[in-house]
Amino acid sequence: MPSFDALDEVFEGTRAGYSYSRNGNPTVQAFESAVAALEGASVAVAFSSGMAAIHAALLAASVQPGDTILATRDCYGLTRTLLSTYFARIGVRTELVDMTNLDAVERGLTRRPRVLYLETLSNPLLIVLDIAKLVALAARRGTTVVVDNTFASPYLLRPLEHGVQLVVHSATKYIGGHGDVTGGTVAVSDAELGRLLHEQTNLLGANLAPNEAWLCHRGLKTLPLRMARQCANALDVARWLETHAAVARVYYPGLSSHCQHDLAGRLLGGRYGAMIAFDLREGTRDAVRRLMDRFRLVTPAPTLGDLRTLVLYPAQASHRGLTPEERRAVGIGDGLVRLSVGIEDPVDLIADLERALQRAG
């Protein structure tokens, strides 16, 4: 700083500049500005992980003891655990609802929850939600809508355009895109929500570090190239899986057999994402183990959105915190497998799947 007074003005916020990296950093700010532009937001704030971003979004929505959160019953396992443990301990009630049932959502909204919590595409069953209709229902009750848009990315959908107040991403996934960084973002149109989110990075210390911000910003430069290839590959792989004798069911909204295929086409602009789930016909943990141990190209990893195709067993990883009964209640069986399709040649991917499925049986 050029002077004592200049430093004081930066601390006070009356002069542009950076006083401490937790409060603000030029590399992080550049990444935040890029995310805001992609989401059509006035403000985007970066966090150290996707879970930190989810927590921050709920706090920015002014969730307090005594409030209710109406959440999609198919939400990511750790999100569900966050709601049922941390938020429950401070007196916040969570009600899990099938968000494809608009009548059930409307009944839940009569109890005036503070937040309606959604996922664009559910993890891991790729259930598609009619964001516009859900936002309209929430608006009648003054309920804030938070959407986790990680599976879609801003390449497929910009929820703020549908009236959503807070959009969350695990930047670890498609935004970073290379499997080498952990981060999260929250994008908003309301300046006051943006101020509250920035305040949290300072007070709670969940800010994204500059090197991680640089890696995420680098990833954004290839987002449309990666997503276009990954979506095309996923459709090829899903169509092939649907014909395989060892596969009982494929969950992918790009398939005409998917019950929400038309909705997904309208919502996502004719592209359907790069995530696939499928049930093995044998339907056992041992069958999944044999499958995963046989892959040569596909990589077992508890994440998604990488350049490489990744495979995950939800019962072991993303939804490990749920009881078997809770998993079955939301359709996650013992033979369910999740694929995050990468940018490889689809012929090679299908060959690897064919080899692994034959030997898994």
Protein backbone atom coordinates (compact mmCIF):
# COMPACT_ATOMS: atom_id res chain seq x y z
CA MET A 1 0.00 0.00 0.00
CA PRO A 2 1.30 3.50 -0.75
CA SER A 3 0.46 4.79 2.73
CA PHE A 4 -0.96 4.02 6.16
CA ASP A 5 -4.23 5.73 5.20
CA ALA A 6 -4.49 3.76 1.95
CA LEU A 7 -4.20 0.48 3.86
CA ASP A 8 -6.85 1.69 6.28
CA GLU A 9 -9.18 2.51 3.39
CA VAL A 10 -8.73 -0.96 1.89
CA PHE A 11 -9.60 -2.57 5.24
CA GLU A 12 -12.60 -0.26 5.46
CA GLY A 13 -13.72 -1.15 1.93
CA THR A 14 -13.69 2.41 0.64
CA ARG A 15 -10.64 1.83 -1.58
CA ALA A 16 -10.08 -0.92 -4.15
CA GLY A 17 -7.34 -3.34 -3.20
CA TYR A 18 -6.49 -6.53 -1.36
CA SER A 19 -5.63 -6.66 2.32
CA TYR A 20 -5.62 -10.41 3.08
CA SER A 21 -6.15 -13.42 0.84
CA ARG A 22 -9.04 -14.80 2.87
CA ASN A 23 -10.88 -11.51 2.32
CA GLY A 24 -10.14 -11.38 -1.39
CA ASN A 25 -7.50 -12.35 -3.91
CA PRO A 26 -7.03 -11.23 -7.53
CA THR A 27 -6.68 -14.78 -8.90
CA VAL A 28 -9.74 -15.97 -7.02
CA GLN A 29 -11.66 -12.90 -8.12
CA ALA A 30 -10.81 -13.58 -11.76
CA PHE A 31 -12.22 -17.11 -11.43
CA GLU A 32 -15.32 -15.83 -9.64
CA SER A 33 -15.94 -13.29 -12.39
CA ALA A 34 -15.71 -16.02 -15.03
CA VAL A 35 -18.21 -18.24 -13.19
CA ALA A 36 -20.58 -15.30 -12.75
CA ALA A 37 -20.42 -14.61 -16.49
CA LEU A 38 -21.11 -18.26 -17.35
CA GLU A 39 -24.06 -18.49 -14.95
CA GLY A 40 -25.49 -15.09 -15.90
CA ALA A 41 -25.02 -14.02 -12.27
CA SER A 42 -24.22 -10.66 -10.73
CA VAL A 43 -21.92 -12.33 -8.19
CA ALA A 44 -20.18 -15.70 -7.86
CA VAL A 45 -18.20 -16.63 -4.76
CA ALA A 46 -15.60 -19.41 -4.66
CA PHE A 47 -15.22 -21.86 -1.79
CA SER A 48 -12.74 -24.54 -0.83
CA SER A 49 -15.06 -27.42 -1.82
CA GLY A 50 -18.50 -28.21 -3.11
CA MET A 51 -19.67 -29.10 0.40
CA ALA A 52 -18.43 -25.73 1.70
CA ALA A 53 -20.42 -24.08 -1.11
CA ILE A 54 -23.60 -25.98 -0.18
CA HIS A 55 -23.18 -25.01 3.48
CA ALA A 56 -22.55 -21.39 2.52
CA ALA A 57 -25.60 -21.25 0.24
CA LEU A 58 -27.87 -22.49 3.01
CA LEU A 59 -26.44 -19.98 5.48
CA ALA A 60 -26.81 -17.17 2.95
CA ALA A 61 -30.46 -18.18 2.61
CA SER A 62 -30.74 -17.31 6.33
CA VAL A 63 -31.53 -20.83 7.52
CA GLN A 64 -31.95 -20.58 11.30
CA PRO A 65 -32.97 -22.84 14.20
CA GLY A 66 -36.64 -23.67 13.90
CA ASP A 67 -36.64 -23.43 10.08
CA THR A 68 -37.43 -26.23 7.65
CA ILE A 69 -35.51 -27.19 4.52
CA LEU A 70 -37.57 -28.97 1.87
CA ALA A 71 -34.98 -31.06 0.01
CA THR A 72 -35.12 -33.44 -2.90
CA ARG A 73 -35.08 -36.97 -1.52
CA ASP A 74 -32.56 -37.99 -4.20
CA CYS A 75 -29.88 -35.54 -3.15
CA TYR A 76 -26.19 -36.37 -2.90
CA GLY A 77 -25.49 -38.59 0.09
CA LEU A 78 -23.18 -36.18 1.90
CA THR A 79 -25.65 -33.32 1.40
CA ARG A 80 -28.30 -35.46 3.04
CA THR A 81 -25.92 -36.25 5.88
CA LEU A 82 -25.11 -32.54 6.31
CA LEU A 83 -28.82 -31.78 6.65
CA SER A 84 -29.57 -34.70 8.99
CA THR A 85 -26.61 -34.12 11.31
CA TYR A 86 -25.16 -30.60 11.42
CA PHE A 87 -28.31 -28.69 10.56
CA ALA A 88 -30.47 -31.01 12.66
CA ARG A 89 -28.23 -30.37 15.68
CA ILE A 90 -28.84 -26.62 15.45
CA GLY A 91 -32.59 -27.12 15.25
CA VAL A 92 -33.19 -27.07 11.49
CA ARG A 93 -35.70 -29.65 10.26
CA THR A 94 -35.28 -31.31 6.87
CA GLU A 95 -38.16 -32.81 4.94
CA LEU A 96 -37.23 -35.04 2.01
CA VAL A 97 -39.71 -34.97 -0.87
CA ASP A 98 -40.01 -36.54 -4.30
CA MET A 99 -39.57 -33.35 -6.32
CA THR A 100 -41.03 -34.96 -9.46
CA ASN A 101 -44.36 -35.04 -7.58
CA LEU A 102 -45.49 -31.42 -7.73
CA ASP A 103 -48.49 -32.10 -5.51
CA ALA A 104 -46.19 -33.42 -2.77
CA VAL A 105 -43.93 -30.38 -3.18
CA GLU A 106 -46.91 -28.04 -2.91
CA ARG A 107 -48.03 -29.77 0.29
CA GLY A 108 -44.53 -29.40 1.70
CA LEU A 109 -44.46 -25.72 0.80
CA THR A 110 -47.63 -25.07 2.79
CA ARG A 111 -45.41 -25.46 5.88
CA ARG A 112 -43.41 -22.47 4.59
CA PRO A 113 -39.90 -23.93 4.54
CA ARG A 114 -37.02 -21.49 4.43
CA VAL A 115 -35.35 -23.29 1.51
CA LEU A 116 -36.34 -25.53 -1.37
CA TYR A 117 -33.18 -27.54 -2.12
CA LEU A 118 -32.88 -29.15 -5.56
CA GLU A 119 -30.40 -30.88 -7.86
CA THR A 120 -30.67 -30.30 -11.61
CA LEU A 121 -29.83 -33.95 -12.29
CA SER A 122 -29.92 -36.21 -9.26
CA ASN A 123 -26.97 -38.22 -8.00
CA PRO A 124 -26.81 -41.05 -8.97
CA LEU A 125 -30.11 -41.88 -10.73
CA LEU A 126 -30.20 -38.86 -13.09
CA ILE A 127 -33.71 -37.80 -12.15
CA VAL A 128 -34.57 -34.56 -13.97
CA LEU A 129 -36.47 -31.81 -12.15
CA ASP A 130 -38.77 -29.26 -13.74
CA ILE A 131 -36.90 -26.27 -12.32
CA ALA A 132 -39.27 -23.60 -13.66
CA LYS A 133 -42.38 -25.19 -12.15
CA LEU A 134 -40.68 -25.80 -8.80
CA VAL A 135 -39.44 -22.21 -8.66
CA ALA A 136 -42.95 -20.94 -9.39
CA LEU A 137 -44.37 -23.01 -6.53
CA ALA A 138 -41.67 -21.79 -4.13
CA ALA A 139 -42.19 -18.15 -5.13
CA ARG A 140 -45.82 -18.27 -3.97
CA ARG A 141 -44.63 -19.11 -0.45
CA GLY A 142 -41.60 -16.83 -0.35
CA THR A 143 -39.26 -19.84 -0.19
CA THR A 144 -35.65 -19.44 -1.36
CA VAL A 145 -34.58 -21.95 -4.01
CA VAL A 146 -31.07 -23.43 -3.92
CA VAL A 147 -30.02 -25.62 -6.86
CA ASP A 148 -26.96 -27.86 -7.08
CA ASN A 149 -26.09 -27.60 -10.78
CA THR A 150 -22.91 -29.70 -10.62
CA PHE A 151 -24.05 -32.53 -12.93
CA ALA A 152 -25.31 -30.15 -15.62
CA SER A 153 -22.72 -27.36 -15.42
CA PRO A 154 -23.53 -23.95 -16.95
CA TYR A 155 -22.88 -25.53 -20.35
CA LEU A 156 -26.22 -27.35 -20.10
CA LEU A 157 -28.28 -25.14 -17.81
CA ARG A 158 -28.22 -21.72 -16.12
CA PRO A 159 -30.75 -22.04 -13.26
CA LEU A 160 -30.74 -18.31 -12.44
CA GLU A 161 -32.55 -17.78 -15.74
CA HIS A 162 -35.38 -19.91 -14.32
CA GLY A 163 -35.73 -17.79 -11.17
CA VAL A 164 -33.46 -19.74 -8.83
CA GLN A 165 -31.82 -17.61 -6.12
CA LEU A 166 -28.61 -19.57 -5.38
CA VAL A 167 -26.76 -21.92 -7.74
CA VAL A 168 -24.16 -24.27 -6.27
CA HIS A 169 -21.36 -26.13 -8.04
CA SER A 170 -18.73 -28.52 -6.90
CA ALA A 171 -15.99 -26.97 -9.05
CA THR A 172 -14.04 -30.17 -8.44
CA LYS A 173 -16.17 -31.70 -11.19
CA TYR A 174 -16.97 -30.22 -14.64
CA ILE A 175 -15.81 -26.69 -13.90
CA GLY A 176 -12.28 -27.83 -13.00
CA GLY A 177 -12.65 -30.77 -15.34
CA HIS A 178 -9.22 -32.38 -14.95
CA GLY A 179 -9.45 -34.27 -11.66
CA ASP A 180 -6.69 -32.21 -10.06
CA VAL A 181 -8.45 -29.64 -7.88
CA THR A 182 -11.09 -29.35 -5.15
CA GLY A 183 -13.35 -26.31 -5.07
CA GLY A 184 -16.89 -24.98 -5.03
CA THR A 185 -18.87 -21.95 -6.16
CA VAL A 186 -22.16 -20.24 -5.41
CA ALA A 187 -23.66 -17.90 -8.03
CA VAL A 188 -26.44 -15.38 -7.28
CA SER A 189 -28.26 -12.49 -8.92
CA ASP A 190 -28.99 -10.65 -5.67
CA ALA A 191 -26.21 -8.34 -4.45
CA GLU A 192 -27.12 -8.82 -0.77
CA LEU A 193 -26.80 -12.61 -1.10
CA GLY A 194 -23.43 -12.03 -2.73
CA ARG A 195 -22.34 -9.86 0.20
CA LEU A 196 -23.39 -12.56 2.68
CA LEU A 197 -21.46 -15.21 0.75
CA HIS A 198 -18.30 -13.07 0.66
CA GLU A 199 -18.69 -12.43 4.37
CA GLN A 200 -18.67 -16.18 4.98
CA THR A 201 -15.38 -16.71 3.18
CA ASN A 202 -13.82 -14.19 5.55
CA LEU A 203 -15.48 -15.27 8.80
CA LEU A 204 -15.62 -19.05 8.28
CA GLY A 205 -12.41 -19.42 6.30
CA ALA A 206 -13.80 -21.74 3.62
CA ASN A 207 -12.29 -19.62 0.85
CA LEU A 208 -10.71 -21.10 -2.26
CA ALA A 209 -6.91 -20.80 -2.36
CA PRO A 210 -5.33 -18.89 -5.30
CA ASN A 211 -3.62 -21.89 -6.90
CA GLU A 212 -6.85 -23.90 -6.83
CA ALA A 213 -8.68 -20.89 -8.29
CA TRP A 214 -6.13 -20.76 -11.12
CA LEU A 215 -6.66 -24.47 -11.86
CA CYS A 216 -10.45 -24.05 -11.89
CA HIS A 217 -10.19 -21.00 -14.14
CA ARG A 218 -7.95 -22.95 -16.50
CA GLY A 219 -10.57 -25.71 -16.60
CA LEU A 220 -13.32 -23.29 -17.60
CA LYS A 221 -11.48 -22.49 -20.82
CA THR A 222 -12.22 -25.98 -22.20
CA LEU A 223 -15.64 -26.53 -20.59
CA PRO A 224 -17.66 -26.40 -23.86
CA LEU A 225 -15.19 -28.64 -25.70
CA ARG A 226 -15.11 -31.21 -22.91
CA MET A 227 -18.84 -31.23 -22.29
CA ALA A 228 -19.76 -31.54 -25.96
CA ARG A 229 -17.55 -34.63 -26.32
CA GLN A 230 -18.57 -36.11 -22.98
CA CYS A 231 -22.30 -35.71 -23.69
CA ALA A 232 -21.91 -37.35 -27.10
CA ASN A 233 -19.85 -40.21 -25.62
CA ALA A 234 -22.37 -40.74 -22.82
CA LEU A 235 -25.23 -41.11 -25.28
CA ASP A 236 -23.26 -43.72 -27.26
CA VAL A 237 -22.33 -45.63 -24.11
CA ALA A 238 -25.85 -45.49 -22.66
CA ARG A 239 -27.40 -46.81 -25.85
CA TRP A 240 -24.91 -49.66 -25.90
CA LEU A 241 -25.41 -50.52 -22.22
CA GLU A 242 -29.17 -50.69 -22.78
CA THR A 243 -28.64 -53.63 -25.15
CA HIS A 244 -26.28 -55.64 -22.92
CA ALA A 245 -27.58 -58.84 -21.35
CA ALA A 246 -25.72 -58.23 -18.07
CA VAL A 247 -27.43 -54.86 -17.57
CA ALA A 248 -30.94 -54.76 -16.13
CA ARG A 249 -31.60 -51.01 -16.47
CA VAL A 250 -29.83 -47.87 -17.65
CA TYR A 251 -30.49 -44.43 -16.14
CA TYR A 252 -29.66 -41.73 -18.67
CA PRO A 253 -32.05 -38.91 -19.67
CA GLY A 254 -30.79 -38.97 -23.25
CA LEU A 255 -32.41 -42.37 -23.81
CA SER A 256 -35.94 -42.36 -25.22
CA SER A 257 -36.74 -45.02 -22.61
CA HIS A 258 -36.07 -42.55 -19.79
CA CYS A 259 -39.39 -41.40 -18.34
CA GLN A 260 -38.23 -37.76 -18.34
CA HIS A 261 -36.54 -37.75 -21.72
CA ASP A 262 -38.75 -34.99 -23.15
CA LEU A 263 -38.37 -32.78 -20.07
CA ALA A 264 -34.60 -33.25 -20.14
CA GLY A 265 -34.49 -32.30 -23.80
CA ARG A 266 -36.37 -29.06 -23.15
CA LEU A 267 -34.47 -28.19 -19.99
CA LEU A 268 -30.97 -29.03 -21.22
CA GLY A 269 -31.27 -27.91 -24.83
CA GLY A 270 -31.10 -31.34 -26.44
CA ARG A 271 -27.92 -32.37 -24.58
CA TYR A 272 -28.20 -34.74 -21.68
CA GLY A 273 -25.01 -34.64 -19.65
CA ALA A 274 -22.20 -37.12 -19.21
CA MET A 275 -23.41 -39.10 -16.17
CA ILE A 276 -24.89 -42.59 -16.50
CA ALA A 277 -26.07 -45.09 -13.90
CA PHE A 278 -26.99 -48.71 -14.52
CA ASP A 279 -28.17 -51.75 -12.59
CA LEU A 280 -26.33 -55.01 -13.05
CA ARG A 281 -28.74 -57.86 -13.69
CA GLU A 282 -27.07 -59.93 -10.97
CA GLY A 283 -27.70 -57.04 -8.56
CA THR A 284 -25.09 -57.84 -5.91
CA ARG A 285 -22.13 -56.09 -4.35
CA ASP A 286 -19.89 -58.98 -5.45
CA ALA A 287 -20.94 -58.54 -9.09
CA VAL A 288 -20.03 -54.84 -8.87
CA ARG A 289 -16.67 -55.71 -7.29
CA ARG A 290 -15.85 -58.11 -10.16
CA LEU A 291 -16.87 -55.50 -12.71
CA MET A 292 -14.79 -52.70 -11.22
CA ASP A 293 -11.72 -54.87 -10.79
CA ARG A 294 -11.80 -55.82 -14.49
CA PHE A 295 -11.69 -52.34 -15.99
CA ARG A 296 -8.52 -51.33 -17.84
CA LEU A 297 -9.46 -47.94 -19.32
CA VAL A 298 -12.30 -46.88 -17.03
CA THR A 299 -10.91 -45.66 -13.70
CA PRO A 300 -12.55 -46.43 -10.33
CA ALA A 301 -12.66 -43.10 -8.46
CA PRO A 302 -15.04 -41.41 -5.98
CA THR A 303 -15.57 -38.29 -8.10
CA LEU A 304 -16.83 -37.24 -11.54
CA GLY A 305 -16.37 -34.70 -14.31
CA ASP A 306 -12.80 -35.72 -15.17
CA LEU A 307 -11.39 -36.00 -18.68
CA ARG A 308 -11.19 -39.73 -17.99
CA THR A 309 -14.17 -42.03 -17.65
CA LEU A 310 -14.68 -42.83 -13.98
CA VAL A 311 -16.72 -45.55 -12.30
CA LEU A 312 -18.17 -45.41 -8.79
CA TYR A 313 -20.23 -47.73 -6.61
CA PRO A 314 -22.74 -45.43 -4.84
CA ALA A 315 -23.35 -47.85 -1.96
CA GLN A 316 -19.61 -47.78 -1.23
CA ALA A 317 -18.85 -44.11 -1.87
CA SER A 318 -21.28 -41.25 -2.59
CA HIS A 319 -24.15 -42.76 -0.54
CA ARG A 320 -22.13 -44.75 1.96
CA GLY A 321 -23.55 -42.68 4.83
CA LEU A 322 -27.08 -43.93 4.16
CA THR A 323 -28.37 -47.17 5.60
CA PRO A 324 -29.21 -49.98 3.14
CA GLU A 325 -32.89 -49.26 3.81
CA GLU A 326 -32.43 -45.55 3.05
CA ARG A 327 -30.60 -46.36 -0.17
CA ARG A 328 -33.29 -48.77 -1.30
CA ALA A 329 -35.97 -46.17 -0.53
CA VAL A 330 -34.48 -43.82 -3.12
CA GLY A 331 -33.82 -46.56 -5.69
CA ILE A 332 -30.13 -47.25 -5.03
CA GLY A 333 -29.78 -51.02 -5.10
CA ASP A 334 -26.78 -53.22 -4.39
CA GLY A 335 -26.09 -53.62 -8.11
CA LEU A 336 -26.16 -49.93 -9.07
CA VAL A 337 -23.07 -48.56 -10.82
CA ARG A 338 -22.38 -44.91 -11.75
CA LEU A 339 -20.29 -43.81 -14.74
CA SER A 340 -18.85 -40.36 -15.35
CA VAL A 341 -18.09 -40.51 -19.07
CA GLY A 342 -14.91 -38.85 -20.27
CA ILE A 343 -13.48 -37.72 -23.61
CA GLU A 344 -11.93 -41.02 -24.75
CA ASP A 345 -12.86 -42.66 -28.04
CA PRO A 346 -16.29 -44.22 -27.40
CA VAL A 347 -15.21 -47.37 -29.24
CA ASP A 348 -12.48 -47.88 -26.63
CA LEU A 349 -14.89 -47.18 -23.77
CA ILE A 350 -17.43 -49.67 -25.03
CA ALA A 351 -14.73 -52.29 -25.56
CA ASP A 352 -13.59 -51.86 -21.95
CA LEU A 353 -17.16 -52.10 -20.69
CA GLU A 354 -17.78 -55.21 -22.79
CA ARG A 355 -14.69 -56.91 -21.37
CA ALA A 356 -15.55 -56.01 -17.79
CA LEU A 357 -19.23 -56.96 -18.04
CA GLN A 358 -18.44 -60.35 -19.58
CA ARG A 359 -16.01 -61.20 -16.82
CA ALA A 360 -18.12 -59.73 -14.03
CA GLY A 361 -20.88 -62.25 -14.63
